[in-house]
PDB file of all heavy atoms in Angstrom:
ATOM      1  N   SER A   1     104.877 148.845  83.443  1.00  0.00           N
ATOM      2  CA  SER A   1     104.994 148.350  84.786  1.00  0.00           C
ATOM      3  C   SER A   1     106.437 148.387  85.252  1.00  0.00           C
ATOM      4  O   SER A   1     107.363 148.333  84.448  1.00  0.00           O
ATOM      5  CB  SER A   1     104.525 146.891  84.898  1.00  0.00           C
ATOM      6  OG  SER A   1     103.146 146.768  84.558  1.00  0.00           O
ATOM      7  N   TRP A   2     106.580 148.497  86.555  1.00  0.00           N
ATOM      8  CA  TRP A   2     107.827 148.188  87.234  1.00  0.00           C
ATOM      9  C   TRP A   2     107.663 146.877  87.979  1.00  0.00           C
ATOM     10  O   TRP A   2     106.672 146.687  88.681  1.00  0.00           O
ATOM     11  CB  TRP A   2     108.232 149.296  88.224  1.00  0.00           C
ATOM     12  CG  TRP A   2     108.712 150.535  87.579  1.00  0.00           C
ATOM     13  CD1 TRP A   2     108.024 151.687  87.365  1.00  0.00           C
ATOM     14  CD2 TRP A   2     110.044 150.789  87.083  1.00  0.00           C
ATOM     15  NE1 TRP A   2     108.810 152.636  86.766  1.00  0.00           N
ATOM     16  CE2 TRP A   2     110.056 152.107  86.582  1.00  0.00           C
ATOM     17  CE3 TRP A   2     111.199 150.013  87.021  1.00  0.00           C
ATOM     18  CZ2 TRP A   2     111.196 152.676  86.006  1.00  0.00           C
ATOM     19  CZ3 TRP A   2     112.329 150.589  86.463  1.00  0.00           C
ATOM     20  CH2 TRP A   2     112.328 151.892  85.961  1.00  0.00           C
ATOM     21  N   LEU A   3     108.624 146.000  87.810  1.00  0.00           N
ATOM     22  CA  LEU A   3     108.638 144.743  88.532  1.00  0.00           C
ATOM     23  C   LEU A   3     110.015 144.591  89.183  1.00  0.00           C
ATOM     24  O   LEU A   3     110.966 145.243  88.774  1.00  0.00           O
ATOM     25  CB  LEU A   3     108.384 143.552  87.606  1.00  0.00           C
ATOM     26  CG  LEU A   3     107.076 143.571  86.819  1.00  0.00           C
ATOM     27  CD1 LEU A   3     107.324 144.130  85.414  1.00  0.00           C
ATOM     28  CD2 LEU A   3     106.479 142.197  86.729  1.00  0.00           C
ATOM     29  N   ARG A   4     110.086 143.740  90.182  1.00  0.00           N
ATOM     30  CA  ARG A   4     111.357 143.546  90.838  1.00  0.00           C
ATOM     31  C   ARG A   4     111.546 142.068  91.202  1.00  0.00           C
ATOM     32  O   ARG A   4     110.608 141.319  91.363  1.00  0.00           O
ATOM     33  CB  ARG A   4     111.484 144.420  92.087  1.00  0.00           C
ATOM     34  CG  ARG A   4     110.534 144.073  93.229  1.00  0.00           C
ATOM     35  CD  ARG A   4     110.641 145.073  94.349  1.00  0.00           C
ATOM     36  NE  ARG A   4     109.711 144.776  95.421  1.00  0.00           N
ATOM     37  CZ  ARG A   4     109.497 145.556  96.470  1.00  0.00           C
ATOM     38  NH1 ARG A   4     110.163 146.717  96.568  1.00  0.00           N
ATOM     39  NH2 ARG A   4     108.645 145.210  97.411  1.00  0.00           N
ATOM     40  N   GLN A   5     112.809 141.704  91.330  1.00  0.00           N
ATOM     41  CA  GLN A   5     113.152 140.364  91.765  1.00  0.00           C
ATOM     42  C   GLN A   5     114.234 140.462  92.842  1.00  0.00           C
ATOM     43  O   GLN A   5     115.349 140.886  92.564  1.00  0.00           O
ATOM     44  CB  GLN A   5     113.652 139.513  90.607  1.00  0.00           C
ATOM     45  CG  GLN A   5     113.881 138.054  90.974  1.00  0.00           C
ATOM     46  CD  GLN A   5     114.037 137.153  89.757  1.00  0.00           C
ATOM     47  OE1 GLN A   5     114.477 137.596  88.699  1.00  0.00           O
ATOM     48  NE2 GLN A   5     113.670 135.901  89.921  1.00  0.00           N
ATOM     49  N   ALA A   6     113.846 140.122  94.036  1.00  0.00           N
ATOM     50  CA  ALA A   6     114.771 140.108  95.167  1.00  0.00           C
ATOM     51  C   ALA A   6     115.579 138.813  95.170  1.00  0.00           C
ATOM     52  O   ALA A   6     115.167 137.825  94.566  1.00  0.00           O
ATOM     53  CB  ALA A   6     113.985 140.254  96.473  1.00  0.00           C
ATOM     54  N   PRO A   7     116.728 138.832  95.836  1.00  0.00           N
ATOM     55  CA  PRO A   7     117.541 137.613  95.899  1.00  0.00           C
ATOM     56  C   PRO A   7     116.749 136.420  96.418  1.00  0.00           C
ATOM     57  O   PRO A   7     116.119 136.500  97.447  1.00  0.00           O
ATOM     58  CB  PRO A   7     118.670 137.990  96.849  1.00  0.00           C
ATOM     59  CG  PRO A   7     118.783 139.479  96.726  1.00  0.00           C
ATOM     60  CD  PRO A   7     117.376 139.959  96.517  1.00  0.00           C
ATOM     61  N   GLY A   8     116.760 135.346  95.664  1.00  0.00           N
ATOM     62  CA  GLY A   8     116.065 134.141  96.054  1.00  0.00           C
ATOM     63  C   GLY A   8     114.557 134.167  95.912  1.00  0.00           C
ATOM     64  O   GLY A   8     113.872 133.237  96.351  1.00  0.00           O
ATOM     65  N   LYS A   9     114.022 135.232  95.302  1.00  0.00           N
ATOM     66  CA  LYS A   9     112.586 135.373  95.157  1.00  0.00           C
ATOM     67  C   LYS A   9     112.185 135.431  93.690  1.00  0.00           C
ATOM     68  O   LYS A   9     113.017 135.613  92.808  1.00  0.00           O
ATOM     69  CB  LYS A   9     112.113 136.653  95.857  1.00  0.00           C
ATOM     70  CG  LYS A   9     112.442 136.738  97.323  1.00  0.00           C
ATOM     71  CD  LYS A   9     111.718 135.710  98.140  1.00  0.00           C
ATOM     72  CE  LYS A   9     111.993 135.866  99.628  1.00  0.00           C
ATOM     73  NZ  LYS A   9     111.274 134.862 100.433  1.00  0.00           N
ATOM     74  N   GLY A  10     110.911 135.272  93.448  1.00  0.00           N
ATOM     75  CA  GLY A  10     110.374 135.387  92.103  1.00  0.00           C
ATOM     76  C   GLY A  10     110.063 136.835  91.748  1.00  0.00           C
ATOM     77  O   GLY A  10     110.240 137.764  92.556  1.00  0.00           O
ATOM     78  N   LEU A  11     109.642 137.052  90.534  1.00  0.00           N
ATOM     79  CA  LEU A  11     109.292 138.387  90.092  1.00  0.00           C
ATOM     80  C   LEU A  11     108.051 138.885  90.832  1.00  0.00           C
ATOM     81  O   LEU A  11     107.082 138.134  91.022  1.00  0.00           O
ATOM     82  CB  LEU A  11     109.011 138.386  88.600  1.00  0.00           C
ATOM     83  CG  LEU A  11     110.242 138.405  87.664  1.00  0.00           C
ATOM     84  CD1 LEU A  11     109.795 138.158  86.234  1.00  0.00           C
ATOM     85  CD2 LEU A  11     110.934 139.765  87.758  1.00  0.00           C
ATOM     86  N   GLU A  12     108.092 140.111  91.231  1.00  0.00           N
ATOM     87  CA  GLU A  12     106.991 140.773  91.915  1.00  0.00           C
ATOM     88  C   GLU A  12     106.627 142.046  91.164  1.00  0.00           C
ATOM     89  O   GLU A  12     107.474 142.899  90.922  1.00  0.00           O
ATOM     90  CB  GLU A  12     107.351 141.124  93.342  1.00  0.00           C
ATOM     91  CG  GLU A  12     106.267 141.889  94.107  1.00  0.00           C
ATOM     92  CD  GLU A  12     106.738 142.451  95.424  1.00  0.00           C
ATOM     93  OE1 GLU A  12     107.962 142.534  95.646  1.00  0.00           O
ATOM     94  OE2 GLU A  12     105.887 142.804  96.256  1.00  0.00           O
ATOM     95  N   ARG A  13     105.353 142.175  90.793  1.00  0.00           N
ATOM     96  CA  ARG A  13     104.897 143.422  90.197  1.00  0.00           C
ATOM     97  C   ARG A  13     104.844 144.482  91.268  1.00  0.00           C
ATOM     98  O   ARG A  13     104.215 144.309  92.310  1.00  0.00           O
ATOM     99  CB  ARG A  13     103.526 143.230  89.567  1.00  0.00           C
ATOM    100  CG  ARG A  13     103.002 144.494  88.873  1.00  0.00           C
ATOM    101  CD  ARG A  13     101.549 144.320  88.482  1.00  0.00           C
ATOM    102  NE  ARG A  13     100.693 144.137  89.658  1.00  0.00           N
ATOM    103  CZ  ARG A  13     100.160 145.133  90.351  1.00  0.00           C
ATOM    104  NH1 ARG A  13     100.344 146.408  89.976  1.00  0.00           N
ATOM    105  NH2 ARG A  13      99.401 144.877  91.416  1.00  0.00           N
ATOM    106  N   VAL A  14     105.474 145.607  91.003  1.00  0.00           N
ATOM    107  CA  VAL A  14     105.536 146.705  91.940  1.00  0.00           C
ATOM    108  C   VAL A  14     104.443 147.742  91.647  1.00  0.00           C
ATOM    109  O   VAL A  14     103.713 148.173  92.550  1.00  0.00           O
ATOM    110  CB  VAL A  14     106.917 147.387  91.915  1.00  0.00           C
ATOM    111  CG1 VAL A  14     106.938 148.624  92.796  1.00  0.00           C
ATOM    112  CG2 VAL A  14     107.988 146.384  92.324  1.00  0.00           C
ATOM    113  N   ALA A  15     104.318 148.149  90.395  1.00  0.00           N
ATOM    114  CA  ALA A  15     103.381 149.193  90.042  1.00  0.00           C
ATOM    115  C   ALA A  15     103.101 149.167  88.550  1.00  0.00           C
ATOM    116  O   ALA A  15     103.943 148.754  87.753  1.00  0.00           O
ATOM    117  CB  ALA A  15     103.907 150.581  90.431  1.00  0.00           C
ATOM    118  N   ASP A  16     101.904 149.592  88.189  1.00  0.00           N
ATOM    119  CA  ASP A  16     101.492 149.711  86.789  1.00  0.00           C
ATOM    120  C   ASP A  16     100.993 151.113  86.533  1.00  0.00           C
ATOM    121  O   ASP A  16     100.434 151.776  87.419  1.00  0.00           O
ATOM    122  CB  ASP A  16     100.328 148.766  86.451  1.00  0.00           C
ATOM    123  CG  ASP A  16     100.604 147.313  86.758  1.00  0.00           C
ATOM    124  OD1 ASP A  16     101.726 146.852  86.475  1.00  0.00           O
ATOM    125  OD2 ASP A  16      99.663 146.641  87.233  1.00  0.00           O
ATOM    126  N   ILE A  17     101.158 151.568  85.295  1.00  0.00           N
ATOM    127  CA  ILE A  17     100.487 152.770  84.837  1.00  0.00           C
ATOM    128  C   ILE A  17      99.926 152.521  83.479  1.00  0.00           C
ATOM    129  O   ILE A  17     100.641 152.071  82.570  1.00  0.00           O
ATOM    130  CB  ILE A  17     101.424 153.999  84.892  1.00  0.00           C
ATOM    131  CG1 ILE A  17     100.649 155.273  84.511  1.00  0.00           C
ATOM    132  CG2 ILE A  17     102.652 153.797  84.033  1.00  0.00           C
ATOM    133  CD1 ILE A  17     101.390 156.543  84.897  1.00  0.00           C
ATOM    134  N   MET A  18      98.624 152.793  83.307  1.00  0.00           N
ATOM    135  CA  MET A  18      97.947 152.527  82.060  1.00  0.00           C
ATOM    136  C   MET A  18      98.192 153.632  81.041  1.00  0.00           C
ATOM    137  O   MET A  18      98.768 154.673  81.375  1.00  0.00           O
ATOM    138  CB  MET A  18      96.444 152.394  82.298  1.00  0.00           C
ATOM    139  CG  MET A  18      96.041 151.377  83.359  1.00  0.00           C
ATOM    140  SD  MET A  18      96.567 149.698  82.966  1.00  0.00           S
ATOM    141  CE  MET A  18      97.943 149.527  84.112  1.00  0.00           C
ATOM    142  N   ASN A  19      97.761 153.397  79.820  1.00  0.00           N
ATOM    143  CA  ASN A  19      97.932 154.433  78.810  1.00  0.00           C
ATOM    144  C   ASN A  19      97.041 155.643  79.070  1.00  0.00           C
ATOM    145  O   ASN A  19      97.280 156.706  78.485  1.00  0.00           O
ATOM    146  CB  ASN A  19      97.672 153.869  77.423  1.00  0.00           C
ATOM    147  CG  ASN A  19      96.279 153.261  77.241  1.00  0.00           C
ATOM    148  OD1 ASN A  19      95.514 153.148  78.204  1.00  0.00           O
ATOM    149  ND2 ASN A  19      95.953 152.886  76.024  1.00  0.00           N
ATOM    150  N   ASP A  20      96.060 155.524  79.961  1.00  0.00           N
ATOM    151  CA  ASP A  20      95.265 156.659  80.382  1.00  0.00           C
ATOM    152  C   ASP A  20      95.661 157.196  81.734  1.00  0.00           C
ATOM    153  O   ASP A  20      94.928 157.980  82.347  1.00  0.00           O
ATOM    154  CB  ASP A  20      93.764 156.298  80.370  1.00  0.00           C
ATOM    155  CG  ASP A  20      93.400 155.199  81.343  1.00  0.00           C
ATOM    156  OD1 ASP A  20      94.326 154.719  82.072  1.00  0.00           O
ATOM    157  OD2 ASP A  20      92.246 154.803  81.395  1.00  0.00           O
ATOM    158  N   ASP A  21      96.833 156.797  82.229  1.00  0.00           N
ATOM    159  CA  ASP A  21      97.455 157.275  83.454  1.00  0.00           C
ATOM    160  C   ASP A  21      96.860 156.713  84.739  1.00  0.00           C
ATOM    161  O   ASP A  21      97.251 157.146  85.836  1.00  0.00           O
ATOM    162  CB  ASP A  21      97.468 158.804  83.518  1.00  0.00           C
ATOM    163  CG  ASP A  21      98.446 159.417  82.568  1.00  0.00           C
ATOM    164  OD1 ASP A  21      99.432 158.759  82.182  1.00  0.00           O
ATOM    165  OD2 ASP A  21      98.234 160.576  82.166  1.00  0.00           O
ATOM    166  N   ARG A  22      95.943 155.796  84.646  1.00  0.00           N
ATOM    167  CA  ARG A  22      95.524 155.083  85.845  1.00  0.00           C
ATOM    168  C   ARG A  22      96.654 154.265  86.408  1.00  0.00           C
ATOM    169  O   ARG A  22      97.454 153.689  85.638  1.00  0.00           O
ATOM    170  CB  ARG A  22      94.332 154.180  85.574  1.00  0.00           C
ATOM    171  CG  ARG A  22      93.023 154.927  85.312  1.00  0.00           C
ATOM    172  CD  ARG A  22      91.908 153.954  84.964  1.00  0.00           C
ATOM    173  NE  ARG A  22      92.179 153.313  83.687  1.00  0.00           N
ATOM    174  CZ  ARG A  22      91.939 152.021  83.425  1.00  0.00           C
ATOM    175  NH1 ARG A  22      91.448 151.232  84.355  1.00  0.00           N
ATOM    176  NH2 ARG A  22      92.196 151.549  82.225  1.00  0.00           N
ATOM    177  N   THR A  23      96.754 154.167  87.709  1.00  0.00           N
ATOM    178  CA  THR A  23      97.869 153.468  88.351  1.00  0.00           C
ATOM    179  C   THR A  23      97.379 152.401  89.302  1.00  0.00           C
ATOM    180  O   THR A  23      96.254 152.441  89.790  1.00  0.00           O
ATOM    181  CB  THR A  23      98.772 154.454  89.122  1.00  0.00           C
ATOM    182  OG1 THR A  23      97.995 155.127  90.130  1.00  0.00           O
ATOM    183  CG2 THR A  23      99.380 155.471  88.188  1.00  0.00           C
ATOM    184  N   ASP A  24      98.264 151.464  89.582  1.00  0.00           N
ATOM    185  CA  ASP A  24      97.981 150.415  90.551  1.00  0.00           C
ATOM    186  C   ASP A  24      99.304 150.012  91.195  1.00  0.00           C
ATOM    187  O   ASP A  24     100.344 149.982  90.515  1.00  0.00           O
ATOM    188  CB  ASP A  24      97.320 149.214  89.881  1.00  0.00           C
ATOM    189  CG  ASP A  24      96.815 148.204  90.897  1.00  0.00           C
ATOM    190  OD1 ASP A  24      95.881 148.535  91.652  1.00  0.00           O
ATOM    191  OD2 ASP A  24      97.365 147.077  90.937  1.00  0.00           O
ATOM    192  N   TYR A  25      99.243 149.703  92.488  1.00  0.00           N
ATOM    193  CA  TYR A  25     100.474 149.401  93.222  1.00  0.00           C
ATOM    194  C   TYR A  25     100.323 148.116  94.023  1.00  0.00           C
ATOM    195  O   TYR A  25      99.220 147.765  94.474  1.00  0.00           O
ATOM    196  CB  TYR A  25     100.783 150.530  94.220  1.00  0.00           C
ATOM    197  CG  TYR A  25     101.079 151.853  93.577  1.00  0.00           C
ATOM    198  CD1 TYR A  25     100.058 152.761  93.301  1.00  0.00           C
ATOM    199  CD2 TYR A  25     102.364 152.189  93.233  1.00  0.00           C
ATOM    200  CE1 TYR A  25     100.321 153.970  92.703  1.00  0.00           C
ATOM    201  CE2 TYR A  25     102.649 153.414  92.628  1.00  0.00           C
ATOM    202  CZ  TYR A  25     101.615 154.285  92.377  1.00  0.00           C
ATOM    203  OH  TYR A  25     101.898 155.505  91.798  1.00  0.00           O
ATOM    204  N   ALA A  26     101.436 147.423  94.181  1.00  0.00           N
ATOM    205  CA  ALA A  26     101.468 146.315  95.113  1.00  0.00           C
ATOM    206  C   ALA A  26     101.253 146.851  96.528  1.00  0.00           C
ATOM    207  O   ALA A  26     101.663 147.952  96.865  1.00  0.00           O
ATOM    208  CB  ALA A  26     102.820 145.599  95.029  1.00  0.00           C
ATOM    209  N   ASP A  27     100.588 146.036  97.362  1.00  0.00           N
ATOM    210  CA  ASP A  27     100.318 146.470  98.724  1.00  0.00           C
ATOM    211  C   ASP A  27     101.612 146.824  99.472  1.00  0.00           C
ATOM    212  O   ASP A  27     101.605 147.708 100.337  1.00  0.00           O
ATOM    213  CB  ASP A  27      99.589 145.377  99.478  1.00  0.00           C
ATOM    214  CG  ASP A  27      98.134 145.225  99.024  1.00  0.00           C
ATOM    215  OD1 ASP A  27      97.615 146.158  98.384  1.00  0.00           O
ATOM    216  OD2 ASP A  27      97.547 144.183  99.313  1.00  0.00           O
ATOM    217  N   SER A  28     102.699 146.168  99.155  1.00  0.00           N
ATOM    218  CA  SER A  28     103.942 146.360  99.862  1.00  0.00           C
ATOM    219  C   SER A  28     104.554 147.735  99.634  1.00  0.00           C
ATOM    220  O   SER A  28     105.415 148.140 100.420  1.00  0.00           O
ATOM    221  CB  SER A  28     104.943 145.265  99.491  1.00  0.00           C
ATOM    222  OG  SER A  28     105.200 145.270  98.110  1.00  0.00           O
ATOM    223  N   VAL A  29     104.119 148.436  98.605  1.00  0.00           N
ATOM    224  CA  VAL A  29     104.748 149.739  98.288  1.00  0.00           C
ATOM    225  C   VAL A  29     103.745 150.877  98.288  1.00  0.00           C
ATOM    226  O   VAL A  29     104.141 152.042  98.095  1.00  0.00           O
ATOM    227  CB  VAL A  29     105.479 149.715  96.940  1.00  0.00           C
ATOM    228  CG1 VAL A  29     106.473 148.557  96.908  1.00  0.00           C
ATOM    229  CG2 VAL A  29     104.494 149.611  95.767  1.00  0.00           C
ATOM    230  N   LYS A  30     102.474 150.619  98.508  1.00  0.00           N
ATOM    231  CA  LYS A  30     101.460 151.672  98.512  1.00  0.00           C
ATOM    232  C   LYS A  30     101.787 152.743  99.525  1.00  0.00           C
ATOM    233  O   LYS A  30     102.122 152.460 100.672  1.00  0.00           O
ATOM    234  CB  LYS A  30     100.081 151.083  98.796  1.00  0.00           C
ATOM    235  CG  LYS A  30      99.453 150.355  97.624  1.00  0.00           C
ATOM    236  CD  LYS A  30      98.093 149.814  97.963  1.00  0.00           C
ATOM    237  CE  LYS A  30      97.460 149.107  96.787  1.00  0.00           C
ATOM    238  NZ  LYS A  30      96.157 148.509  97.109  1.00  0.00           N
ATOM    239  N   GLY A  31     101.681 153.977  99.100  1.00  0.00           N
ATOM    240  CA  GLY A  31     101.949 155.105  99.963  1.00  0.00           C
ATOM    241  C   GLY A  31     103.403 155.514  99.985  1.00  0.00           C
ATOM    242  O   GLY A  31     103.725 156.596 100.525  1.00  0.00           O
ATOM    243  N   ARG A  32     104.293 154.682  99.445  1.00  0.00           N
ATOM    244  CA  ARG A  32     105.719 154.973  99.468  1.00  0.00           C
ATOM    245  C   ARG A  32     106.301 155.166  98.055  1.00  0.00           C
ATOM    246  O   ARG A  32     107.234 155.945  97.884  1.00  0.00           O
ATOM    247  CB  ARG A  32     106.500 153.881 100.177  1.00  0.00           C
ATOM    248  CG  ARG A  32     106.105 153.687 101.637  1.00  0.00           C
ATOM    249  CD  ARG A  32     107.004 152.676 102.328  1.00  0.00           C
ATOM    250  NE  ARG A  32     106.890 151.346 101.761  1.00  0.00           N
ATOM    251  CZ  ARG A  32     107.865 150.719 101.103  1.00  0.00           C
ATOM    252  NH1 ARG A  32     109.066 151.289 100.977  1.00  0.00           N
ATOM    253  NH2 ARG A  32     107.660 149.505 100.619  1.00  0.00           N
ATOM    254  N   PHE A  33     105.767 154.453  97.067  1.00  0.00           N
ATOM    255  CA  PHE A  33     106.267 154.524  95.690  1.00  0.00           C
ATOM    256  C   PHE A  33     105.240 155.229  94.818  1.00  0.00           C
ATOM    257  O   PHE A  33     104.031 155.113  95.036  1.00  0.00           O
ATOM    258  CB  PHE A  33     106.473 153.119  95.127  1.00  0.00           C
ATOM    259  CG  PHE A  33     107.652 152.360  95.697  1.00  0.00           C
ATOM    260  CD1 PHE A  33     108.297 152.783  96.843  1.00  0.00           C
ATOM    261  CD2 PHE A  33     108.090 151.206  95.094  1.00  0.00           C
ATOM    262  CE1 PHE A  33     109.373 152.083  97.365  1.00  0.00           C
ATOM    263  CE2 PHE A  33     109.157 150.486  95.606  1.00  0.00           C
ATOM    264  CZ  PHE A  33     109.786 150.918  96.743  1.00  0.00           C
ATOM    265  N   THR A  34     105.735 155.918  93.807  1.00  0.00           N
ATOM    266  CA  THR A  34     104.864 156.581  92.835  1.00  0.00           C
ATOM    267  C   THR A  34     105.374 156.286  91.423  1.00  0.00           C
ATOM    268  O   THR A  34     106.525 156.560  91.103  1.00  0.00           O
ATOM    269  CB  THR A  34     104.815 158.093  93.048  1.00  0.00           C
ATOM    270  OG1 THR A  34     104.387 158.380  94.372  1.00  0.00           O
ATOM    271  CG2 THR A  34     103.874 158.755  92.053  1.00  0.00           C
ATOM    272  N   ILE A  35     104.491 155.737  90.585  1.00  0.00           N
ATOM    273  CA  ILE A  35     104.838 155.476  89.205  1.00  0.00           C
ATOM    274  C   ILE A  35     104.264 156.609  88.360  1.00  0.00           C
ATOM    275  O   ILE A  35     103.166 157.129  88.612  1.00  0.00           O
ATOM    276  CB  ILE A  35     104.304 154.101  88.732  1.00  0.00           C
ATOM    277  CG1 ILE A  35     104.824 153.767  87.344  1.00  0.00           C
ATOM    278  CG2 ILE A  35     102.786 154.056  88.780  1.00  0.00           C
ATOM    279  CD1 ILE A  35     104.505 152.326  86.922  1.00  0.00           C
ATOM    280  N   SER A  36     105.026 157.025  87.345  1.00  0.00           N
ATOM    281  CA  SER A  36     104.570 158.088  86.457  1.00  0.00           C
ATOM    282  C   SER A  36     105.180 157.871  85.085  1.00  0.00           C
ATOM    283  O   SER A  36     106.102 157.065  84.918  1.00  0.00           O
ATOM    284  CB  SER A  36     104.929 159.481  87.012  1.00  0.00           C
ATOM    285  OG  SER A  36     106.340 159.629  87.148  1.00  0.00           O
ATOM    286  N   ARG A  37     104.647 158.577  84.106  1.00  0.00           N
ATOM    287  CA  ARG A  37     105.187 158.468  82.756  1.00  0.00           C
ATOM    288  C   ARG A  37     105.181 159.820  82.072  1.00  0.00           C
ATOM    289  O   ARG A  37     104.383 160.714  82.401  1.00  0.00           O
ATOM    290  CB  ARG A  37     104.379 157.464  81.917  1.00  0.00           C
ATOM    291  CG  ARG A  37     102.948 157.881  81.634  1.00  0.00           C
ATOM    292  CD  ARG A  37     102.116 156.710  81.109  1.00  0.00           C
ATOM    293  NE  ARG A  37     102.627 156.202  79.842  1.00  0.00           N
ATOM    294  CZ  ARG A  37     102.324 155.023  79.304  1.00  0.00           C
ATOM    295  NH1 ARG A  37     101.511 154.195  79.979  1.00  0.00           N
ATOM    296  NH2 ARG A  37     102.836 154.655  78.149  1.00  0.00           N
ATOM    297  N   ASP A  38     106.090 159.983  81.140  1.00  0.00           N
ATOM    298  CA  ASP A  38     106.188 161.173  80.306  1.00  0.00           C
ATOM    299  C   ASP A  38     106.213 160.679  78.872  1.00  0.00           C
ATOM    300  O   ASP A  38     107.257 160.272  78.367  1.00  0.00           O
ATOM    301  CB  ASP A  38     107.408 161.994  80.638  1.00  0.00           C
ATOM    302  CG  ASP A  38     107.496 163.313  79.886  1.00  0.00           C
ATOM    303  OD1 ASP A  38     106.778 163.488  78.867  1.00  0.00           O
ATOM    304  OD2 ASP A  38     108.273 164.184  80.299  1.00  0.00           O
ATOM    305  N   ASN A  39     105.062 160.720  78.227  1.00  0.00           N
ATOM    306  CA  ASN A  39     104.983 160.140  76.887  1.00  0.00           C
ATOM    307  C   ASN A  39     105.795 160.943  75.865  1.00  0.00           C
ATOM    308  O   ASN A  39     106.260 160.380  74.867  1.00  0.00           O
ATOM    309  CB  ASN A  39     103.530 160.065  76.453  1.00  0.00           C
ATOM    310  CG  ASN A  39     102.754 159.002  77.177  1.00  0.00           C
ATOM    311  OD1 ASN A  39     103.332 158.054  77.731  1.00  0.00           O
ATOM    312  ND2 ASN A  39     101.436 159.124  77.215  1.00  0.00           N
ATOM    313  N   ALA A  40     105.984 162.240  76.097  1.00  0.00           N
ATOM    314  CA  ALA A  40     106.779 163.049  75.203  1.00  0.00           C
ATOM    315  C   ALA A  40     108.230 162.609  75.185  1.00  0.00           C
ATOM    316  O   ALA A  40     108.930 162.831  74.187  1.00  0.00           O
ATOM    317  CB  ALA A  40     106.676 164.537  75.576  1.00  0.00           C
ATOM    318  N   LYS A  41     108.671 161.994  76.260  1.00  0.00           N
ATOM    319  CA  LYS A  41     110.049 161.515  76.365  1.00  0.00           C
ATOM    320  C   LYS A  41     110.161 160.000  76.266  1.00  0.00           C
ATOM    321  O   LYS A  41     111.231 159.439  76.430  1.00  0.00           O
ATOM    322  CB  LYS A  41     110.672 161.973  77.679  1.00  0.00           C
ATOM    323  CG  LYS A  41     110.793 163.472  77.838  1.00  0.00           C
ATOM    324  CD  LYS A  41     111.404 163.827  79.164  1.00  0.00           C
ATOM    325  CE  LYS A  41     111.539 165.334  79.298  1.00  0.00           C
ATOM    326  NZ  LYS A  41     112.142 165.714  80.624  1.00  0.00           N
ATOM    327  N   ASN A  42     109.047 159.313  76.023  1.00  0.00           N
ATOM    328  CA  ASN A  42     109.023 157.847  76.050  1.00  0.00           C
ATOM    329  C   ASN A  42     109.626 157.305  77.340  1.00  0.00           C
ATOM    330  O   ASN A  42     110.387 156.350  77.321  1.00  0.00           O
ATOM    331  CB  ASN A  42     109.751 157.272  74.833  1.00  0.00           C
ATOM    332  CG  ASN A  42     108.938 157.344  73.556  1.00  0.00           C
ATOM    333  OD1 ASN A  42     107.861 157.925  73.513  1.00  0.00           O
ATOM    334  ND2 ASN A  42     109.474 156.737  72.519  1.00  0.00           N
ATOM    335  N   ALA A  43     109.260 157.944  78.431  1.00  0.00           N
ATOM    336  CA  ALA A  43     109.915 157.654  79.705  1.00  0.00           C
ATOM    337  C   ALA A  43     108.921 157.182  80.758  1.00  0.00           C
ATOM    338  O   ALA A  43     107.772 157.601  80.792  1.00  0.00           O
ATOM    339  CB  ALA A  43     110.670 158.868  80.201  1.00  0.00           C
ATOM    340  N   LEU A  44     109.423 156.335  81.622  1.00  0.00           N
ATOM    341  CA  LEU A  44     108.720 155.807  82.776  1.00  0.00           C
ATOM    342  C   LEU A  44     109.551 156.054  84.016  1.00  0.00           C
ATOM    343  O   LEU A  44     110.785 155.940  83.946  1.00  0.00           O
ATOM    344  CB  LEU A  44     108.475 154.321  82.586  1.00  0.00           C
ATOM    345  CG  LEU A  44     107.760 153.572  83.717  1.00  0.00           C
ATOM    346  CD1 LEU A  44     106.262 153.935  83.729  1.00  0.00           C
ATOM    347  CD2 LEU A  44     107.944 152.071  83.559  1.00  0.00           C
TER     348      LEU A  44
END
């Protein structure tokens, strides 16, 4: 997952990607953010 914390705010989940590559996004970023992973590089 990617999460974020804005000044004066709590943690907000931004996006998730499962081990089978299914994704989910917060409504605030849908259509603008894309989460991806490269397992060969252990990268998100």
